[in-house]
Amino acid sequence: MGTYYIPRNYKGETRILVIFSVKSLITTVLGAIVGLLFYWVFSMLSFKKIAIILLVIWAVIGYCIGAFKIPTIVGLPVTKKIGGESISEIIIRYFKFRRNRKMYTYVNTKEEK
């Protein structure tokens, strides 16, 4: 008798606290770190309420970057190319493009008579 592979649904097993995947948790923490910088500055100026609001806003932005995907919208040609990809992958690809961008110069080598 042979052994058979039974497929298993792994979706949702990497979730932490139900809503956080590993990537969204990391980006939320990074957003909260940026928010802590604002919190530190505004708390020194005795604006604690504004500081806490900015901390929460940066944490939510971090969560959105890590968790959400770009929807495919038929009316917008840009989303046809990147639809279904996560926002973090698009941001990483953008910075790689900016870093590796090269300037090209084309020279016409034909001599005109």
PDB file of N, CA and C in Angstrom:
ATOM      1  N   MET A   1       0.844  -1.162   0.000  1.00  0.00           N
ATOM      2  CA  MET A   1       0.000   0.000   0.000  1.00  0.00           C
ATOM      3  C   MET A   1       0.900   1.239   0.000  1.00  0.00           C
ATOM      4  N   GLY A   2       0.578   2.223  -0.862  1.00  0.00           N
ATOM      5  CA  GLY A   2       1.389   3.422  -1.000  1.00  0.00           C
ATOM      6  C   GLY A   2       0.929   4.543  -0.072  1.00  0.00           C
ATOM      7  N   THR A   3       1.792   5.531   0.039  1.00  0.00           N
ATOM      8  CA  THR A   3       1.426   6.717   0.817  1.00  0.00           C
ATOM      9  C   THR A   3       1.001   7.817  -0.132  1.00  0.00           C
ATOM     10  N   TYR A   4       0.055   8.589   0.278  1.00  0.00           N
ATOM     11  CA  TYR A   4      -0.482   9.645  -0.565  1.00  0.00           C
ATOM     12  C   TYR A   4      -0.408  10.982   0.176  1.00  0.00           C
ATOM     13  N   TYR A   5      -0.118  12.001  -0.586  1.00  0.00           N
ATOM     14  CA  TYR A   5      -0.067  13.360  -0.040  1.00  0.00           C
ATOM     15  C   TYR A   5      -1.473  13.924   0.009  1.00  0.00           C
ATOM     16  N   ILE A   6      -1.907  14.330   1.172  1.00  0.00           N
ATOM     17  CA  ILE A   6      -3.222  14.951   1.332  1.00  0.00           C
ATOM     18  C   ILE A   6      -3.000  16.444   1.466  1.00  0.00           C
ATOM     19  N   PRO A   7      -3.510  17.244   0.512  1.00  0.00           N
ATOM     20  CA  PRO A   7      -3.291  18.692   0.603  1.00  0.00           C
ATOM     21  C   PRO A   7      -3.977  19.278   1.832  1.00  0.00           C
ATOM     22  N   ARG A   8      -3.322  20.256   2.400  1.00  0.00           N
ATOM     23  CA  ARG A   8      -3.831  20.880   3.611  1.00  0.00           C
ATOM     24  C   ARG A   8      -3.955  22.377   3.378  1.00  0.00           C
ATOM     25  N   ASN A   9      -4.985  22.958   3.887  1.00  0.00           N
ATOM     26  CA  ASN A   9      -5.199  24.386   3.734  1.00  0.00           C
ATOM     27  C   ASN A   9      -4.404  25.118   4.810  1.00  0.00           C
ATOM     28  N   TYR A  10      -3.345  25.812   4.378  1.00  0.00           N
ATOM     29  CA  TYR A  10      -2.495  26.553   5.311  1.00  0.00           C
ATOM     30  C   TYR A  10      -2.931  27.997   5.479  1.00  0.00           C
ATOM     31  N   LYS A  11      -3.955  28.408   4.779  1.00  0.00           N
ATOM     32  CA  LYS A  11      -4.376  29.800   4.831  1.00  0.00           C
ATOM     33  C   LYS A  11      -4.852  30.151   6.237  1.00  0.00           C
ATOM     34  N   GLY A  12      -4.296  31.208   6.778  1.00  0.00           N
ATOM     35  CA  GLY A  12      -4.695  31.672   8.092  1.00  0.00           C
ATOM     36  C   GLY A  12      -3.894  31.083   9.236  1.00  0.00           C
ATOM     37  N   GLU A  13      -3.018  30.115   8.966  1.00  0.00           N
ATOM     38  CA  GLU A  13      -2.245  29.528  10.050  1.00  0.00           C
ATOM     39  C   GLU A  13      -1.083  30.411  10.480  1.00  0.00           C
ATOM     40  N   THR A  14      -0.680  31.350   9.654  1.00  0.00           N
ATOM     41  CA  THR A  14       0.408  32.241  10.027  1.00  0.00           C
ATOM     42  C   THR A  14      -0.121  33.534  10.618  1.00  0.00           C
ATOM     43  N   ARG A  15      -1.350  33.553  11.008  1.00  0.00           N
ATOM     44  CA  ARG A  15      -1.963  34.758  11.579  1.00  0.00           C
ATOM     45  C   ARG A  15      -1.629  34.854  13.071  1.00  0.00           C
ATOM     46  N   ILE A  16      -1.327  36.079  13.487  1.00  0.00           N
ATOM     47  CA  ILE A  16      -1.055  36.352  14.894  1.00  0.00           C
ATOM     48  C   ILE A  16      -2.155  37.302  15.362  1.00  0.00           C
ATOM     49  N   LEU A  17      -2.809  36.980  16.443  1.00  0.00           N
ATOM     50  CA  LEU A  17      -3.915  37.786  16.965  1.00  0.00           C
ATOM     51  C   LEU A  17      -5.002  38.018  15.909  1.00  0.00           C
ATOM     52  N   VAL A  18      -5.303  37.031  15.137  1.00  0.00           N
ATOM     53  CA  VAL A  18      -6.352  36.942  14.128  1.00  0.00           C
ATOM     54  C   VAL A  18      -6.151  37.884  12.942  1.00  0.00           C
ATOM     55  N   ILE A  19      -5.891  39.182  13.143  1.00  0.00           N
ATOM     56  CA  ILE A  19      -5.819  40.100  12.008  1.00  0.00           C
ATOM     57  C   ILE A  19      -4.400  40.295  11.490  1.00  0.00           C
ATOM     58  N   PHE A  20      -3.387  39.959  12.239  1.00  0.00           N
ATOM     59  CA  PHE A  20      -2.011  40.220  11.834  1.00  0.00           C
ATOM     60  C   PHE A  20      -1.377  38.996  11.201  1.00  0.00           C
ATOM     61  N   SER A  21      -0.880  39.168   9.982  1.00  0.00           N
ATOM     62  CA  SER A  21       0.048  38.185   9.450  1.00  0.00           C
ATOM     63  C   SER A  21       1.435  38.623   9.923  1.00  0.00           C
ATOM     64  N   VAL A  22       2.439  37.829   9.639  1.00  0.00           N
ATOM     65  CA  VAL A  22       3.784  38.183  10.096  1.00  0.00           C
ATOM     66  C   VAL A  22       4.235  39.490   9.454  1.00  0.00           C
ATOM     67  N   LYS A  23       3.992  39.629   8.150  1.00  0.00           N
ATOM     68  CA  LYS A  23       4.407  40.845   7.443  1.00  0.00           C
ATOM     69  C   LYS A  23       3.647  42.070   7.928  1.00  0.00           C
ATOM     70  N   SER A  24       2.350  41.943   8.148  1.00  0.00           N
ATOM     71  CA  SER A  24       1.582  43.106   8.608  1.00  0.00           C
ATOM     72  C   SER A  24       1.945  43.479  10.043  1.00  0.00           C
ATOM     73  N   LEU A  25       2.314  42.501  10.866  1.00  0.00           N
ATOM     74  CA  LEU A  25       2.748  42.809  12.219  1.00  0.00           C
ATOM     75  C   LEU A  25       4.069  43.576  12.203  1.00  0.00           C
ATOM     76  N   ILE A  26       4.995  43.150  11.350  1.00  0.00           N
ATOM     77  CA  ILE A  26       6.285  43.835  11.247  1.00  0.00           C
ATOM     78  C   ILE A  26       6.104  45.262  10.750  1.00  0.00           C
ATOM     79  N   THR A  27       5.294  45.459   9.718  1.00  0.00           N
ATOM     80  CA  THR A  27       5.098  46.813   9.201  1.00  0.00           C
ATOM     81  C   THR A  27       4.317  47.682  10.176  1.00  0.00           C
ATOM     82  N   THR A  28       3.430  47.084  10.966  1.00  0.00           N
ATOM     83  CA  THR A  28       2.733  47.851  11.999  1.00  0.00           C
ATOM     84  C   THR A  28       3.706  48.320  13.071  1.00  0.00           C
ATOM     85  N   VAL A  29       4.620  47.460  13.461  1.00  0.00           N
ATOM     86  CA  VAL A  29       5.634  47.844  14.453  1.00  0.00           C
ATOM     87  C   VAL A  29       6.542  48.940  13.889  1.00  0.00           C
ATOM     88  N   LEU A  30       6.936  48.824  12.618  1.00  0.00           N
ATOM     89  CA  LEU A  30       7.762  49.871  12.009  1.00  0.00           C
ATOM     90  C   LEU A  30       7.014  51.197  11.945  1.00  0.00           C
ATOM     91  N   GLY A  31       5.731  51.154  11.608  1.00  0.00           N
ATOM     92  CA  GLY A  31       4.918  52.367  11.609  1.00  0.00           C
ATOM     93  C   GLY A  31       4.785  52.948  13.004  1.00  0.00           C
ATOM     94  N   ALA A  32       4.655  52.079  14.011  1.00  0.00           N
ATOM     95  CA  ALA A  32       4.563  52.556  15.386  1.00  0.00           C
ATOM     96  C   ALA A  32       5.883  53.179  15.848  1.00  0.00           C
ATOM     97  N   ILE A  33       6.998  52.673  15.363  1.00  0.00           N
ATOM     98  CA  ILE A  33       8.291  53.276  15.699  1.00  0.00           C
ATOM     99  C   ILE A  33       8.385  54.686  15.135  1.00  0.00           C
ATOM    100  N   VAL A  34       7.940  54.865  13.897  1.00  0.00           N
ATOM    101  CA  VAL A  34       7.911  56.218  13.319  1.00  0.00           C
ATOM    102  C   VAL A  34       6.953  57.092  14.127  1.00  0.00           C
ATOM    103  N   GLY A  35       5.810  56.546  14.523  1.00  0.00           N
ATOM    104  CA  GLY A  35       4.859  57.278  15.344  1.00  0.00           C
ATOM    105  C   GLY A  35       5.429  57.625  16.712  1.00  0.00           C
ATOM    106  N   LEU A  36       6.284  56.752  17.252  1.00  0.00           N
ATOM    107  CA  LEU A  36       6.916  57.051  18.537  1.00  0.00           C
ATOM    108  C   LEU A  36       7.855  58.245  18.441  1.00  0.00           C
ATOM    109  N   LEU A  37       8.485  58.402  17.284  1.00  0.00           N
ATOM    110  CA  LEU A  37       9.329  59.589  17.091  1.00  0.00           C
ATOM    111  C   LEU A  37       8.485  60.857  17.156  1.00  0.00           C
ATOM    112  N   PHE A  38       7.327  60.836  16.488  1.00  0.00           N
ATOM    113  CA  PHE A  38       6.411  61.972  16.562  1.00  0.00           C
ATOM    114  C   PHE A  38       5.863  62.141  17.976  1.00  0.00           C
ATOM    115  N   TYR A  39       5.581  61.019  18.635  1.00  0.00           N
ATOM    116  CA  TYR A  39       5.083  61.075  20.006  1.00  0.00           C
ATOM    117  C   TYR A  39       6.099  61.761  20.920  1.00  0.00           C
ATOM    118  N   TRP A  40       7.349  61.405  20.755  1.00  0.00           N
ATOM    119  CA  TRP A  40       8.402  61.982  21.582  1.00  0.00           C
ATOM    120  C   TRP A  40       8.500  63.491  21.360  1.00  0.00           C
ATOM    121  N   VAL A  41       8.460  63.920  20.098  1.00  0.00           N
ATOM    122  CA  VAL A  41       8.571  65.352  19.793  1.00  0.00           C
ATOM    123  C   VAL A  41       7.363  66.118  20.331  1.00  0.00           C
ATOM    124  N   PHE A  42       6.156  65.625  20.049  1.00  0.00           N
ATOM    125  CA  PHE A  42       4.958  66.346  20.474  1.00  0.00           C
ATOM    126  C   PHE A  42       4.724  66.276  21.986  1.00  0.00           C
ATOM    127  N   SER A  43       5.187  65.207  22.640  1.00  0.00           N
ATOM    128  CA  SER A  43       5.033  65.153  24.093  1.00  0.00           C
ATOM    129  C   SER A  43       5.987  66.121  24.783  1.00  0.00           C
ATOM    130  N   MET A  44       7.130  66.389  24.147  1.00  0.00           N
ATOM    131  CA  MET A  44       8.027  67.409  24.700  1.00  0.00           C
ATOM    132  C   MET A  44       7.397  68.801  24.598  1.00  0.00           C
ATOM    133  N   LEU A  45       6.554  68.995  23.584  1.00  0.00           N
ATOM    134  CA  LEU A  45       5.858  70.265  23.418  1.00  0.00           C
ATOM    135  C   LEU A  45       4.525  70.284  24.168  1.00  0.00           C
ATOM    136  N   SER A  46       4.282  69.260  24.966  1.00  0.00           N
ATOM    137  CA  SER A  46       3.069  69.073  25.782  1.00  0.00           C
ATOM    138  C   SER A  46       1.788  69.009  24.950  1.00  0.00           C
ATOM    139  N   PHE A  47       1.855  68.308  23.825  1.00  0.00           N
ATOM    140  CA  PHE A  47       0.676  68.013  23.004  1.00  0.00           C
ATOM    141  C   PHE A  47       0.459  66.498  23.007  1.00  0.00           C
ATOM    142  N   LYS A  48       0.081  65.947  24.145  1.00  0.00           N
ATOM    143  CA  LYS A  48      -0.036  64.489  24.291  1.00  0.00           C
ATOM    144  C   LYS A  48      -1.141  63.896  23.418  1.00  0.00           C
ATOM    145  N   LYS A  49      -2.277  64.577  23.312  1.00  0.00           N
ATOM    146  CA  LYS A  49      -3.385  64.034  22.519  1.00  0.00           C
ATOM    147  C   LYS A  49      -3.013  63.945  21.052  1.00  0.00           C
ATOM    148  N   ILE A  50      -2.392  64.986  20.540  1.00  0.00           N
ATOM    149  CA  ILE A  50      -1.950  64.974  19.136  1.00  0.00           C
ATOM    150  C   ILE A  50      -0.891  63.907  18.926  1.00  0.00           C
ATOM    151  N   ALA A  51      -0.020  63.736  19.912  1.00  0.00           N
ATOM    152  CA  ALA A  51       1.040  62.738  19.808  1.00  0.00           C
ATOM    153  C   ALA A  51       0.464  61.327  19.736  1.00  0.00           C
ATOM    154  N   ILE A  52      -0.535  61.038  20.546  1.00  0.00           N
ATOM    155  CA  ILE A  52      -1.148  59.706  20.534  1.00  0.00           C
ATOM    156  C   ILE A  52      -1.897  59.477  19.227  1.00  0.00           C
ATOM    157  N   ILE A  53      -2.565  60.496  18.722  1.00  0.00           N
ATOM    158  CA  ILE A  53      -3.276  60.372  17.445  1.00  0.00           C
ATOM    159  C   ILE A  53      -2.292  60.090  16.316  1.00  0.00           C
ATOM    160  N   LEU A  54      -1.173  60.794  16.294  1.00  0.00           N
ATOM    161  CA  LEU A  54      -0.163  60.549  15.258  1.00  0.00           C
ATOM    162  C   LEU A  54       0.449  59.161  15.384  1.00  0.00           C
ATOM    163  N   LEU A  55       0.646  58.697  16.604  1.00  0.00           N
ATOM    164  CA  LEU A  55       1.169  57.349  16.815  1.00  0.00           C
ATOM    165  C   LEU A  55       0.222  56.305  16.236  1.00  0.00           C
ATOM    166  N   VAL A  56      -1.064  56.460  16.495  1.00  0.00           N
ATOM    167  CA  VAL A  56      -2.061  55.513  15.982  1.00  0.00           C
ATOM    168  C   VAL A  56      -2.146  55.592  14.455  1.00  0.00           C
ATOM    169  N   ILE A  57      -2.094  56.805  13.906  1.00  0.00           N
ATOM    170  CA  ILE A  57      -2.163  56.972  12.445  1.00  0.00           C
ATOM    171  C   ILE A  57      -0.988  56.282  11.770  1.00  0.00           C
ATOM    172  N   TRP A  58       0.222  56.445  12.292  1.00  0.00           N
ATOM    173  CA  TRP A  58       1.393  55.795  11.693  1.00  0.00           C
ATOM    174  C   TRP A  58       1.333  54.290  11.823  1.00  0.00           C
ATOM    175  N   ALA A  59       0.801  53.785  12.934  1.00  0.00           N
ATOM    176  CA  ALA A  59       0.654  52.336  13.086  1.00  0.00           C
ATOM    177  C   ALA A  59      -0.365  51.792  12.086  1.00  0.00           C
ATOM    178  N   VAL A  60      -1.455  52.509  11.860  1.00  0.00           N
ATOM    179  CA  VAL A  60      -2.464  52.077  10.885  1.00  0.00           C
ATOM    180  C   VAL A  60      -1.889  52.122   9.469  1.00  0.00           C
ATOM    181  N   ILE A  61      -1.108  53.143   9.158  1.00  0.00           N
ATOM    182  CA  ILE A  61      -0.459  53.207   7.835  1.00  0.00           C
ATOM    183  C   ILE A  61       0.468  52.011   7.658  1.00  0.00           C
ATOM    184  N   GLY A  62       1.227  51.668   8.685  1.00  0.00           N
ATOM    185  CA  GLY A  62       2.099  50.487   8.615  1.00  0.00           C
ATOM    186  C   GLY A  62       1.314  49.209   8.404  1.00  0.00           C
ATOM    187  N   TYR A  63       0.182  49.079   9.100  1.00  0.00           N
ATOM    188  CA  TYR A  63      -0.654  47.897   8.918  1.00  0.00           C
ATOM    189  C   TYR A  63      -1.201  47.818   7.495  1.00  0.00           C
ATOM    190  N   CYS A  64      -1.639  48.952   6.964  1.00  0.00           N
ATOM    191  CA  CYS A  64      -2.190  48.976   5.601  1.00  0.00           C
ATOM    192  C   CYS A  64      -1.132  48.591   4.574  1.00  0.00           C
ATOM    193  N   ILE A  65       0.080  49.046   4.769  1.00  0.00           N
ATOM    194  CA  ILE A  65       1.158  48.700   3.835  1.00  0.00           C
ATOM    195  C   ILE A  65       1.429  47.202   3.869  1.00  0.00           C
ATOM    196  N   GLY A  66       1.384  46.596   5.029  1.00  0.00           N
ATOM    197  CA  GLY A  66       1.697  45.183   5.144  1.00  0.00           C
ATOM    198  C   GLY A  66       0.558  44.241   4.811  1.00  0.00           C
ATOM    199  N   ALA A  67      -0.676  44.678   4.957  1.00  0.00           N
ATOM    200  CA  ALA A  67      -1.794  43.744   4.844  1.00  0.00           C
ATOM    201  C   ALA A  67      -2.603  43.874   3.560  1.00  0.00           C
ATOM    202  N   PHE A  68      -2.720  45.067   3.013  1.00  0.00           N
ATOM    203  CA  PHE A  68      -3.641  45.264   1.907  1.00  0.00           C
ATOM    204  C   PHE A  68      -2.992  45.014   0.551  1.00  0.00           C
ATOM    205  N   LYS A  69      -3.834  44.639  -0.386  1.00  0.00           N
ATOM    206  CA  LYS A  69      -3.407  44.427  -1.767  1.00  0.00           C
ATOM    207  C   LYS A  69      -4.102  45.445  -2.664  1.00  0.00           C
ATOM    208  N   ILE A  70      -3.475  45.755  -3.782  1.00  0.00           N
ATOM    209  CA  ILE A  70      -4.041  46.689  -4.752  1.00  0.00           C
ATOM    210  C   ILE A  70      -5.146  45.958  -5.516  1.00  0.00           C
ATOM    211  N   PRO A  71      -6.356  46.520  -5.565  1.00  0.00           N
ATOM    212  CA  PRO A  71      -7.425  45.855  -6.321  1.00  0.00           C
ATOM    213  C   PRO A  71      -7.251  46.071  -7.827  1.00  0.00           C
ATOM    214  N   THR A  72      -7.786  45.159  -8.593  1.00  0.00           N
ATOM    215  CA  THR A  72      -7.775  45.313 -10.040  1.00  0.00           C
ATOM    216  C   THR A  72      -9.043  46.050 -10.454  1.00  0.00           C
ATOM    217  N   ILE A  73      -8.863  47.265 -10.939  1.00  0.00           N
ATOM    218  CA  ILE A  73      -9.985  48.084 -11.388  1.00  0.00           C
ATOM    219  C   ILE A  73      -9.882  48.189 -12.905  1.00  0.00           C
ATOM    220  N   VAL A  74     -10.921  47.753 -13.595  1.00  0.00           N
ATOM    221  CA  VAL A  74     -10.888  47.675 -15.050  1.00  0.00           C
ATOM    222  C   VAL A  74     -10.724  49.057 -15.686  1.00  0.00           C
ATOM    223  N   GLY A  75     -11.299  50.077 -15.114  1.00  0.00           N
ATOM    224  CA  GLY A  75     -11.260  51.417 -15.695  1.00  0.00           C
ATOM    225  C   GLY A  75      -9.902  52.087 -15.605  1.00  0.00           C
ATOM    226  N   LEU A  76      -9.048  51.651 -14.704  1.00  0.00           N
ATOM    227  CA  LEU A  76      -7.727  52.258 -14.546  1.00  0.00           C
ATOM    228  C   LEU A  76      -6.660  51.335 -15.129  1.00  0.00           C
ATOM    229  N   PRO A  77      -5.926  51.793 -16.148  1.00  0.00           N
ATOM    230  CA  PRO A  77      -4.938  50.914 -16.775  1.00  0.00           C
ATOM    231  C   PRO A  77      -3.767  50.554 -15.860  1.00  0.00           C
ATOM    232  N   VAL A  78      -3.461  51.381 -14.879  1.00  0.00           N
ATOM    233  CA  VAL A  78      -2.344  51.087 -13.973  1.00  0.00           C
ATOM    234  C   VAL A  78      -2.658  49.867 -13.114  1.00  0.00           C
ATOM    235  N   THR A  79      -3.893  49.734 -12.666  1.00  0.00           N
ATOM    236  CA  THR A  79      -4.236  48.620 -11.791  1.00  0.00           C
ATOM    237  C   THR A  79      -4.339  47.292 -12.539  1.00  0.00           C
ATOM    238  N   LYS A  80      -4.416  47.333 -13.860  1.00  0.00           N
ATOM    239  CA  LYS A  80      -4.416  46.080 -14.616  1.00  0.00           C
ATOM    240  C   LYS A  80      -3.060  45.397 -14.506  1.00  0.00           C
ATOM    241  N   LYS A  81      -1.998  46.193 -14.397  1.00  0.00           N
ATOM    242  CA  LYS A  81      -0.651  45.635 -14.329  1.00  0.00           C
ATOM    243  C   LYS A  81      -0.268  45.210 -12.916  1.00  0.00           C
ATOM    244  N   ILE A  82      -0.743  45.936 -11.900  1.00  0.00           N
ATOM    245  CA  ILE A  82      -0.312  45.645 -10.536  1.00  0.00           C
ATOM    246  C   ILE A  82      -1.430  45.119  -9.651  1.00  0.00           C
ATOM    247  N   GLY A  83      -2.567  44.823 -10.204  1.00  0.00           N
ATOM    248  CA  GLY A  83      -3.697  44.354  -9.413  1.00  0.00           C
ATOM    249  C   GLY A  83      -3.404  43.031  -8.730  1.00  0.00           C
ATOM    250  N   GLY A  84      -3.724  42.936  -7.456  1.00  0.00           N
ATOM    251  CA  GLY A  84      -3.513  41.714  -6.695  1.00  0.00           C
ATOM    252  C   GLY A  84      -2.194  41.658  -5.958  1.00  0.00           C
ATOM    253  N   GLU A  85      -1.311  42.615  -6.176  1.00  0.00           N
ATOM    254  CA  GLU A  85      -0.029  42.625  -5.479  1.00  0.00           C
ATOM    255  C   GLU A  85      -0.149  43.459  -4.213  1.00  0.00           C
ATOM    256  N   SER A  86       0.632  43.093  -3.205  1.00  0.00           N
ATOM    257  CA  SER A  86       0.555  43.844  -1.952  1.00  0.00           C
ATOM    258  C   SER A  86       1.277  45.180  -2.088  1.00  0.00           C
ATOM    259  N   ILE A  87       0.866  46.124  -1.270  1.00  0.00           N
ATOM    260  CA  ILE A  87       1.424  47.476  -1.336  1.00  0.00           C
ATOM    261  C   ILE A  87       2.901  47.463  -0.984  1.00  0.00           C
ATOM    262  N   SER A  88       3.298  46.605  -0.040  1.00  0.00           N
ATOM    263  CA  SER A  88       4.705  46.556   0.360  1.00  0.00           C
ATOM    264  C   SER A  88       5.602  46.106  -0.792  1.00  0.00           C
ATOM    265  N   GLU A  89       5.147  45.156  -1.601  1.00  0.00           N
ATOM    266  CA  GLU A  89       5.947  44.706  -2.741  1.00  0.00           C
ATOM    267  C   GLU A  89       6.107  45.819  -3.775  1.00  0.00           C
ATOM    268  N   ILE A  90       5.068  46.602  -3.975  1.00  0.00           N
ATOM    269  CA  ILE A  90       5.131  47.704  -4.932  1.00  0.00           C
ATOM    270  C   ILE A  90       6.093  48.780  -4.439  1.00  0.00           C
ATOM    271  N   ILE A  91       6.072  49.075  -3.149  1.00  0.00           N
ATOM    272  CA  ILE A  91       6.995  50.068  -2.592  1.00  0.00           C
ATOM    273  C   ILE A  91       8.435  49.595  -2.694  1.00  0.00           C
ATOM    274  N   ILE A  92       8.687  48.315  -2.388  1.00  0.00           N
ATOM    275  CA  ILE A  92      10.042  47.770  -2.497  1.00  0.00           C
ATOM    276  C   ILE A  92      10.522  47.813  -3.936  1.00  0.00           C
ATOM    277  N   ARG A  93       9.649  47.457  -4.873  1.00  0.00           N
ATOM    278  CA  ARG A  93      10.026  47.487  -6.280  1.00  0.00           C
ATOM    279  C   ARG A  93      10.329  48.903  -6.753  1.00  0.00           C
ATOM    280  N   TYR A  94       9.582  49.887  -6.246  1.00  0.00           N
ATOM    281  CA  TYR A  94       9.818  51.283  -6.604  1.00  0.00           C
ATOM    282  C   TYR A  94      11.194  51.744  -6.133  1.00  0.00           C
ATOM    283  N   PHE A  95      11.552  51.424  -4.879  1.00  0.00           N
ATOM    284  CA  PHE A  95      12.857  51.846  -4.375  1.00  0.00           C
ATOM    285  C   PHE A  95      14.001  51.129  -5.079  1.00  0.00           C
ATOM    286  N   LYS A  96      13.799  49.858  -5.471  1.00  0.00           N
ATOM    287  CA  LYS A  96      14.822  49.166  -6.252  1.00  0.00           C
ATOM    288  C   LYS A  96      15.000  49.820  -7.613  1.00  0.00           C
ATOM    289  N   PHE A  97      13.892  50.231  -8.215  1.00  0.00           N
ATOM    290  CA  PHE A  97      13.965  50.916  -9.509  1.00  0.00           C
ATOM    291  C   PHE A  97      14.698  52.238  -9.367  1.00  0.00           C
ATOM    292  N   ARG A  98      14.395  53.014  -8.337  1.00  0.00           N
ATOM    293  CA  ARG A  98      15.047  54.313  -8.133  1.00  0.00           C
ATOM    294  C   ARG A  98      16.540  54.146  -7.877  1.00  0.00           C
ATOM    295  N   ARG A  99      16.927  53.084  -7.173  1.00  0.00           N
ATOM    296  CA  ARG A  99      18.328  52.853  -6.870  1.00  0.00           C
ATOM    297  C   ARG A  99      19.111  52.413  -8.101  1.00  0.00           C
ATOM    298  N   ASN A 100      18.506  51.590  -8.951  1.00  0.00           N
ATOM    299  CA  ASN A 100      19.210  51.019 -10.100  1.00  0.00           C
ATOM    300  C   ASN A 100      19.014  51.806 -11.379  1.00  0.00           C
ATOM    301  N   ARG A 101      18.377  52.957 -11.306  1.00  0.00           N
ATOM    302  CA  ARG A 101      18.109  53.733 -12.508  1.00  0.00           C
ATOM    303  C   ARG A 101      19.414  54.259 -13.084  1.00  0.00           C
ATOM    304  N   LYS A 102      19.566  54.093 -14.366  1.00  0.00           N
ATOM    305  CA  LYS A 102      20.767  54.542 -15.049  1.00  0.00           C
ATOM    306  C   LYS A 102      20.384  55.541 -16.125  1.00  0.00           C
ATOM    307  N   MET A 103      21.281  56.441 -16.390  1.00  0.00           N
ATOM    308  CA  MET A 103      21.072  57.422 -17.444  1.00  0.00           C
ATOM    309  C   MET A 103      21.731  56.890 -18.723  1.00  0.00           C
ATOM    310  N   TYR A 104      20.977  56.827 -19.780  1.00  0.00           N
ATOM    311  CA  TYR A 104      21.498  56.347 -21.043  1.00  0.00           C
ATOM    312  C   TYR A 104      21.616  57.511 -22.022  1.00  0.00           C
ATOM    313  N   THR A 105      22.682  57.501 -22.789  1.00  0.00           N
ATOM    314  CA  THR A 105      22.882  58.507 -23.825  1.00  0.00           C
ATOM    315  C   THR A 105      23.055  57.772 -25.145  1.00  0.00           C
ATOM    316  N   TYR A 106      22.275  58.174 -26.107  1.00  0.00           N
ATOM    317  CA  TYR A 106      22.360  57.545 -27.418  1.00  0.00           C
ATOM    318  C   TYR A 106      23.079  58.492 -28.364  1.00  0.00           C
ATOM    319  N   VAL A 107      24.040  57.945 -29.077  1.00  0.00           N
ATOM    320  CA  VAL A 107      24.828  58.746 -29.987  1.00  0.00           C
ATOM    321  C   VAL A 107      24.620  58.191 -31.392  1.00  0.00           C
ATOM    322  N   ASN A 108      24.402  59.098 -32.323  1.00  0.00           N
ATOM    323  CA  ASN A 108      24.253  58.710 -33.717  1.00  0.00           C
ATOM    324  C   ASN A 108      25.640  58.546 -34.311  1.00  0.00           C
ATOM    325  N   THR A 109      25.987  57.320 -34.714  1.00  0.00           N
ATOM    326  CA  THR A 109      27.332  57.062 -35.229  1.00  0.00           C
ATOM    327  C   THR A 109      27.427  57.166 -36.736  1.00  0.00           C
ATOM    328  N   LYS A 110      26.327  57.337 -37.413  1.00  0.00           N
ATOM    329  CA  LYS A 110      26.351  57.461 -38.873  1.00  0.00           C
ATOM    330  C   LYS A 110      26.767  58.871 -39.264  1.00  0.00           C
ATOM    331  N   GLU A 111      27.659  58.932 -40.225  1.00  0.00           N
ATOM    332  CA  GLU A 111      28.089  60.248 -40.707  1.00  0.00           C
ATOM    333  C   GLU A 111      27.216  60.642 -41.884  1.00  0.00           C
ATOM    334  N   GLU A 112      26.809  61.869 -41.893  1.00  0.00           N
ATOM    335  CA  GLU A 112      25.977  62.355 -42.990  1.00  0.00           C
ATOM    336  C   GLU A 112      26.883  63.034 -43.995  1.00  0.00           C
ATOM    337  N   LYS A 113      26.582  62.831 -45.292  1.00  0.00           N
ATOM    338  CA  LYS A 113      27.403  63.395 -46.374  1.00  0.00           C
ATOM    339  C   LYS A 113      26.775  64.610 -46.970  1.00  0.00           C
TER     340      LYS A 113
END
